[in-house]
Amino acid sequence: MQVQFNGEILDTQDHTLADLLASQQLANKTGIAVAVNSHVVSRDRWSEHQLEERDDILVITATAGG
């Protein structure tokens, strides 16, 4: 399936948000927020959130500083 991941088209075989984040090496990263189609998905729901064709996934990383 194709999804948009941080603005880029990505072909993936992953079916859940947790699987996709793991394949992108982000699953264990702290300080991130994830939105799917402009709706924030809390970390405790990543494993149950099913991906669909053309989902728009945005991962935001918190950084320190001003």
PDB file of N, CA and C in Angstrom:
ATOM      1  N   MET A   1       0.844  -1.168   0.000  1.00  0.00           N
ATOM      2  CA  MET A   1       0.000   0.000   0.000  1.00  0.00           C
ATOM      3  C   MET A   1       0.888   1.230   0.000  1.00  0.00           C
ATOM      4  N   GLN A   2       0.351   2.338  -0.431  1.00  0.00           N
ATOM      5  CA  GLN A   2       1.070   3.598  -0.400  1.00  0.00           C
ATOM      6  C   GLN A   2       0.479   4.516   0.662  1.00  0.00           C
ATOM      7  N   VAL A   3       1.374   5.131   1.421  1.00  0.00           N
ATOM      8  CA  VAL A   3       0.992   6.143   2.394  1.00  0.00           C
ATOM      9  C   VAL A   3       1.907   7.341   2.177  1.00  0.00           C
ATOM     10  N   GLN A   4       1.499   8.451   2.721  1.00  0.00           N
ATOM     11  CA  GLN A   4       2.381   9.613   2.721  1.00  0.00           C
ATOM     12  C   GLN A   4       2.992   9.690   4.108  1.00  0.00           C
ATOM     13  N   PHE A   5       4.317   9.684   4.171  1.00  0.00           N
ATOM     14  CA  PHE A   5       5.033   9.664   5.439  1.00  0.00           C
ATOM     15  C   PHE A   5       5.945  10.881   5.491  1.00  0.00           C
ATOM     16  N   ASN A   6       5.597  11.819   6.362  1.00  0.00           N
ATOM     17  CA  ASN A   6       6.351  13.078   6.469  1.00  0.00           C
ATOM     18  C   ASN A   6       6.558  13.739   5.108  1.00  0.00           C
ATOM     19  N   GLY A   7       5.483  13.764   4.328  1.00  0.00           N
ATOM     20  CA  GLY A   7       5.497  14.472   3.057  1.00  0.00           C
ATOM     21  C   GLY A   7       6.007  13.688   1.870  1.00  0.00           C
ATOM     22  N   GLU A   8       6.425  12.450   2.074  1.00  0.00           N
ATOM     23  CA  GLU A   8       6.957  11.629   0.990  1.00  0.00           C
ATOM     24  C   GLU A   8       6.099  10.378   0.812  1.00  0.00           C
ATOM     25  N   ILE A   9       5.902   9.988  -0.442  1.00  0.00           N
ATOM     26  CA  ILE A   9       5.154   8.757  -0.722  1.00  0.00           C
ATOM     27  C   ILE A   9       6.021   7.574  -0.309  1.00  0.00           C
ATOM     28  N   LEU A  10       5.405   6.642   0.413  1.00  0.00           N
ATOM     29  CA  LEU A  10       6.119   5.469   0.908  1.00  0.00           C
ATOM     30  C   LEU A  10       5.301   4.229   0.576  1.00  0.00           C
ATOM     31  N   ASP A  11       5.935   3.252  -0.072  1.00  0.00           N
ATOM     32  CA  ASP A  11       5.312   1.949  -0.299  1.00  0.00           C
ATOM     33  C   ASP A  11       5.620   1.086   0.914  1.00  0.00           C
ATOM     34  N   THR A  12       4.599   0.503   1.512  1.00  0.00           N
ATOM     35  CA  THR A  12       4.800  -0.292   2.723  1.00  0.00           C
ATOM     36  C   THR A  12       3.905  -1.521   2.724  1.00  0.00           C
ATOM     37  N   GLN A  13       4.378  -2.549   3.401  1.00  0.00           N
ATOM     38  CA  GLN A  13       3.578  -3.749   3.644  1.00  0.00           C
ATOM     39  C   GLN A  13       3.049  -3.754   5.075  1.00  0.00           C
ATOM     40  N   ASP A  14       3.390  -2.713   5.845  1.00  0.00           N
ATOM     41  CA  ASP A  14       2.960  -2.625   7.243  1.00  0.00           C
ATOM     42  C   ASP A  14       1.460  -2.349   7.314  1.00  0.00           C
ATOM     43  N   HIS A  15       0.819  -2.965   8.303  1.00  0.00           N
ATOM     44  CA  HIS A  15      -0.630  -2.815   8.448  1.00  0.00           C
ATOM     45  C   HIS A  15      -1.042  -1.968   9.638  1.00  0.00           C
ATOM     46  N   THR A  16      -0.141  -1.816  10.610  1.00  0.00           N
ATOM     47  CA  THR A  16      -0.462  -0.986  11.762  1.00  0.00           C
ATOM     48  C   THR A  16       0.535   0.161  11.851  1.00  0.00           C
ATOM     49  N   LEU A  17       0.144   1.186  12.558  1.00  0.00           N
ATOM     50  CA  LEU A  17       1.029   2.320  12.762  1.00  0.00           C
ATOM     51  C   LEU A  17       2.289   1.884  13.502  1.00  0.00           C
ATOM     52  N   ALA A  18       2.156   1.010  14.481  1.00  0.00           N
ATOM     53  CA  ALA A  18       3.316   0.513  15.232  1.00  0.00           C
ATOM     54  C   ALA A  18       4.300  -0.192  14.307  1.00  0.00           C
ATOM     55  N   ASP A  19       3.784  -1.022  13.400  1.00  0.00           N
ATOM     56  CA  ASP A  19       4.655  -1.730  12.457  1.00  0.00           C
ATOM     57  C   ASP A  19       5.388  -0.752  11.542  1.00  0.00           C
ATOM     58  N   LEU A  20       4.678   0.262  11.062  1.00  0.00           N
ATOM     59  CA  LEU A  20       5.299   1.254  10.187  1.00  0.00           C
ATOM     60  C   LEU A  20       6.383   2.023  10.930  1.00  0.00           C
ATOM     61  N   LEU A  21       6.096   2.450  12.142  1.00  0.00           N
ATOM     62  CA  LEU A  21       7.088   3.189  12.919  1.00  0.00           C
ATOM     63  C   LEU A  21       8.300   2.320  13.237  1.00  0.00           C
ATOM     64  N   ALA A  22       8.074   1.042  13.471  1.00  0.00           N
ATOM     65  CA  ALA A  22       9.191   0.124  13.708  1.00  0.00           C
ATOM     66  C   ALA A  22      10.044  -0.016  12.449  1.00  0.00           C
ATOM     67  N   SER A  23       9.418  -0.144  11.304  1.00  0.00           N
ATOM     68  CA  SER A  23      10.186  -0.288  10.064  1.00  0.00           C
ATOM     69  C   SER A  23      10.938   0.987   9.706  1.00  0.00           C
ATOM     70  N   GLN A  24      10.481   2.117  10.233  1.00  0.00           N
ATOM     71  CA  GLN A  24      11.159   3.395  10.025  1.00  0.00           C
ATOM     72  C   GLN A  24      12.112   3.711  11.180  1.00  0.00           C
ATOM     73  N   GLN A  25      12.289   2.742  12.079  1.00  0.00           N
ATOM     74  CA  GLN A  25      13.180   2.841  13.242  1.00  0.00           C
ATOM     75  C   GLN A  25      12.807   4.000  14.166  1.00  0.00           C
ATOM     76  N   LEU A  26      11.502   4.185  14.358  1.00  0.00           N
ATOM     77  CA  LEU A  26      11.001   5.249  15.223  1.00  0.00           C
ATOM     78  C   LEU A  26      10.191   4.740  16.403  1.00  0.00           C
ATOM     79  N   ALA A  27       9.903   3.461  16.454  1.00  0.00           N
ATOM     80  CA  ALA A  27       8.990   2.928  17.466  1.00  0.00           C
ATOM     81  C   ALA A  27       9.469   3.153  18.891  1.00  0.00           C
ATOM     82  N   ASN A  28      10.770   3.108  19.118  1.00  0.00           N
ATOM     83  CA  ASN A  28      11.299   3.255  20.479  1.00  0.00           C
ATOM     84  C   ASN A  28      11.836   4.648  20.752  1.00  0.00           C
ATOM     85  N   LYS A  29      11.691   5.535  19.802  1.00  0.00           N
ATOM     86  CA  LYS A  29      12.202   6.894  19.968  1.00  0.00           C
ATOM     87  C   LYS A  29      11.290   7.670  20.921  1.00  0.00           C
ATOM     88  N   THR A  30      11.888   8.402  21.836  1.00  0.00           N
ATOM     89  CA  THR A  30      11.104   9.218  22.763  1.00  0.00           C
ATOM     90  C   THR A  30      10.961  10.627  22.203  1.00  0.00           C
ATOM     91  N   GLY A  31       9.989  11.350  22.704  1.00  0.00           N
ATOM     92  CA  GLY A  31       9.803  12.737  22.303  1.00  0.00           C
ATOM     93  C   GLY A  31       9.202  12.920  20.931  1.00  0.00           C
ATOM     94  N   ILE A  32       8.424  11.941  20.474  1.00  0.00           N
ATOM     95  CA  ILE A  32       7.764  12.095  19.179  1.00  0.00           C
ATOM     96  C   ILE A  32       6.248  12.084  19.347  1.00  0.00           C
ATOM     97  N   ALA A  33       5.596  12.753  18.424  1.00  0.00           N
ATOM     98  CA  ALA A  33       4.134  12.713  18.332  1.00  0.00           C
ATOM     99  C   ALA A  33       3.808  12.286  16.914  1.00  0.00           C
ATOM    100  N   VAL A  34       2.735  11.520  16.770  1.00  0.00           N
ATOM    101  CA  VAL A  34       2.360  11.000  15.460  1.00  0.00           C
ATOM    102  C   VAL A  34       0.908  11.366  15.171  1.00  0.00           C
ATOM    103  N   ALA A  35       0.685  11.890  13.979  1.00  0.00           N
ATOM    104  CA  ALA A  35      -0.673  12.195  13.521  1.00  0.00           C
ATOM    105  C   ALA A  35      -0.938  11.420  12.233  1.00  0.00           C
ATOM    106  N   VAL A  36      -2.137  10.903  12.129  1.00  0.00           N
ATOM    107  CA  VAL A  36      -2.588  10.233  10.912  1.00  0.00           C
ATOM    108  C   VAL A  36      -3.799  11.000  10.416  1.00  0.00           C
ATOM    109  N   ASN A  37      -3.690  11.510   9.204  1.00  0.00           N
ATOM    110  CA  ASN A  37      -4.759  12.310   8.608  1.00  0.00           C
ATOM    111  C   ASN A  37      -5.181  13.450   9.541  1.00  0.00           C
ATOM    112  N   SER A  38      -4.188  14.119  10.091  1.00  0.00           N
ATOM    113  CA  SER A  38      -4.352  15.297  10.959  1.00  0.00           C
ATOM    114  C   SER A  38      -4.938  14.990  12.337  1.00  0.00           C
ATOM    115  N   HIS A  39      -4.991  13.725  12.730  1.00  0.00           N
ATOM    116  CA  HIS A  39      -5.481  13.338  14.051  1.00  0.00           C
ATOM    117  C   HIS A  39      -4.355  12.668  14.822  1.00  0.00           C
ATOM    118  N   VAL A  40      -4.026  13.207  15.995  1.00  0.00           N
ATOM    119  CA  VAL A  40      -2.957  12.640  16.810  1.00  0.00           C
ATOM    120  C   VAL A  40      -3.366  11.249  17.290  1.00  0.00           C
ATOM    121  N   VAL A  41      -2.421  10.316  17.170  1.00  0.00           N
ATOM    122  CA  VAL A  41      -2.635   8.949  17.659  1.00  0.00           C
ATOM    123  C   VAL A  41      -1.680   8.754  18.830  1.00  0.00           C
ATOM    124  N   SER A  42      -2.232   8.516  20.006  1.00  0.00           N
ATOM    125  CA  SER A  42      -1.394   8.357  21.195  1.00  0.00           C
ATOM    126  C   SER A  42      -0.571   7.070  21.100  1.00  0.00           C
ATOM    127  N   ARG A  43       0.582   7.098  21.734  1.00  0.00           N
ATOM    128  CA  ARG A  43       1.518   5.970  21.668  1.00  0.00           C
ATOM    129  C   ARG A  43       0.840   4.653  22.065  1.00  0.00           C
ATOM    130  N   ASP A  44      -0.033   4.671  23.043  1.00  0.00           N
ATOM    131  CA  ASP A  44      -0.671   3.428  23.492  1.00  0.00           C
ATOM    132  C   ASP A  44      -1.679   2.879  22.485  1.00  0.00           C
ATOM    133  N   ARG A  45      -1.948   3.621  21.406  1.00  0.00           N
ATOM    134  CA  ARG A  45      -2.884   3.142  20.378  1.00  0.00           C
ATOM    135  C   ARG A  45      -2.187   2.794  19.065  1.00  0.00           C
ATOM    136  N   TRP A  46      -0.866   2.973  19.008  1.00  0.00           N
ATOM    137  CA  TRP A  46      -0.143   2.708  17.766  1.00  0.00           C
ATOM    138  C   TRP A  46      -0.336   1.273  17.277  1.00  0.00           C
ATOM    139  N   SER A  47      -0.312   0.313  18.180  1.00  0.00           N
ATOM    140  CA  SER A  47      -0.385  -1.093  17.754  1.00  0.00           C
ATOM    141  C   SER A  47      -1.770  -1.485  17.247  1.00  0.00           C
ATOM    142  N   GLU A  48      -2.787  -0.756  17.638  1.00  0.00           N
ATOM    143  CA  GLU A  48      -4.143  -1.088  17.173  1.00  0.00           C
ATOM    144  C   GLU A  48      -4.617  -0.207  16.019  1.00  0.00           C
ATOM    145  N   HIS A  49      -3.862   0.841  15.713  1.00  0.00           N
ATOM    146  CA  HIS A  49      -4.272   1.745  14.631  1.00  0.00           C
ATOM    147  C   HIS A  49      -3.937   1.120  13.277  1.00  0.00           C
ATOM    148  N   GLN A  50      -4.959   0.749  12.531  1.00  0.00           N
ATOM    149  CA  GLN A  50      -4.794   0.129  11.220  1.00  0.00           C
ATOM    150  C   GLN A  50      -4.551   1.197  10.156  1.00  0.00           C
ATOM    151  N   LEU A  51      -3.536   0.971   9.335  1.00  0.00           N
ATOM    152  CA  LEU A  51      -3.246   1.892   8.240  1.00  0.00           C
ATOM    153  C   LEU A  51      -4.141   1.594   7.048  1.00  0.00           C
ATOM    154  N   GLU A  52      -4.425   2.644   6.298  1.00  0.00           N
ATOM    155  CA  GLU A  52      -5.216   2.506   5.081  1.00  0.00           C
ATOM    156  C   GLU A  52      -4.478   3.171   3.933  1.00  0.00           C
ATOM    157  N   GLU A  53      -4.773   2.707   2.735  1.00  0.00           N
ATOM    158  CA  GLU A  53      -4.178   3.286   1.531  1.00  0.00           C
ATOM    159  C   GLU A  53      -4.315   4.806   1.555  1.00  0.00           C
ATOM    160  N   ARG A  54      -3.228   5.489   1.254  1.00  0.00           N
ATOM    161  CA  ARG A  54      -3.151   6.952   1.145  1.00  0.00           C
ATOM    162  C   ARG A  54      -3.268   7.695   2.474  1.00  0.00           C
ATOM    163  N   ASP A  55      -3.100   7.005   3.596  1.00  0.00           N
ATOM    164  CA  ASP A  55      -3.047   7.726   4.866  1.00  0.00           C
ATOM    165  C   ASP A  55      -1.907   8.733   4.821  1.00  0.00           C
ATOM    166  N   ASP A  56      -2.098   9.852   5.492  1.00  0.00           N
ATOM    167  CA  ASP A  56      -1.088  10.896   5.593  1.00  0.00           C
ATOM    168  C   ASP A  56      -0.556  10.875   7.023  1.00  0.00           C
ATOM    169  N   ILE A  57       0.690  10.413   7.185  1.00  0.00           N
ATOM    170  CA  ILE A  57       1.282  10.224   8.503  1.00  0.00           C
ATOM    171  C   ILE A  57       2.359  11.277   8.720  1.00  0.00           C
ATOM    172  N   LEU A  58       2.263  11.963   9.835  1.00  0.00           N
ATOM    173  CA  LEU A  58       3.226  12.995  10.170  1.00  0.00           C
ATOM    174  C   LEU A  58       3.827  12.674  11.526  1.00  0.00           C
ATOM    175  N   VAL A  59       5.163  12.597  11.570  1.00  0.00           N
ATOM    176  CA  VAL A  59       5.884  12.348  12.814  1.00  0.00           C
ATOM    177  C   VAL A  59       6.625  13.634  13.177  1.00  0.00           C
ATOM    178  N   ILE A  60       6.365  14.114  14.372  1.00  0.00           N
ATOM    179  CA  ILE A  60       6.989  15.343  14.849  1.00  0.00           C
ATOM    180  C   ILE A  60       7.892  14.977  16.027  1.00  0.00           C
ATOM    181  N   THR A  61       9.123  15.482  15.976  1.00  0.00           N
ATOM    182  CA  THR A  61      10.084  15.229  17.038  1.00  0.00           C
ATOM    183  C   THR A  61      10.295  16.499  17.855  1.00  0.00           C
ATOM    184  N   ALA A  62      10.132  16.356  19.159  1.00  0.00           N
ATOM    185  CA  ALA A  62      10.370  17.497  20.058  1.00  0.00           C
ATOM    186  C   ALA A  62      11.872  17.726  20.182  1.00  0.00           C
ATOM    187  N   THR A  63      12.268  18.991  20.164  1.00  0.00           N
ATOM    188  CA  THR A  63      13.681  19.331  20.354  1.00  0.00           C
ATOM    189  C   THR A  63      13.786  20.417  21.419  1.00  0.00           C
ATOM    190  N   ALA A  64      14.889  20.406  22.115  1.00  0.00           N
ATOM    191  CA  ALA A  64      15.128  21.413  23.147  1.00  0.00           C
ATOM    192  C   ALA A  64      15.720  22.666  22.517  1.00  0.00           C
ATOM    193  N   GLY A  65      15.502  23.765  23.160  1.00  0.00           N
ATOM    194  CA  GLY A  65      16.077  25.015  22.663  1.00  0.00           C
ATOM    195  C   GLY A  65      14.991  25.987  22.259  1.00  0.00           C
ATOM    196  N   GLY A  66      15.388  27.098  21.771  1.00  0.00           N
ATOM    197  CA  GLY A  66      14.401  28.109  21.472  1.00  0.00           C
ATOM    198  C   GLY A  66      14.592  28.694  20.146  1.00  0.00           C
TER     199      GLY A  66
END
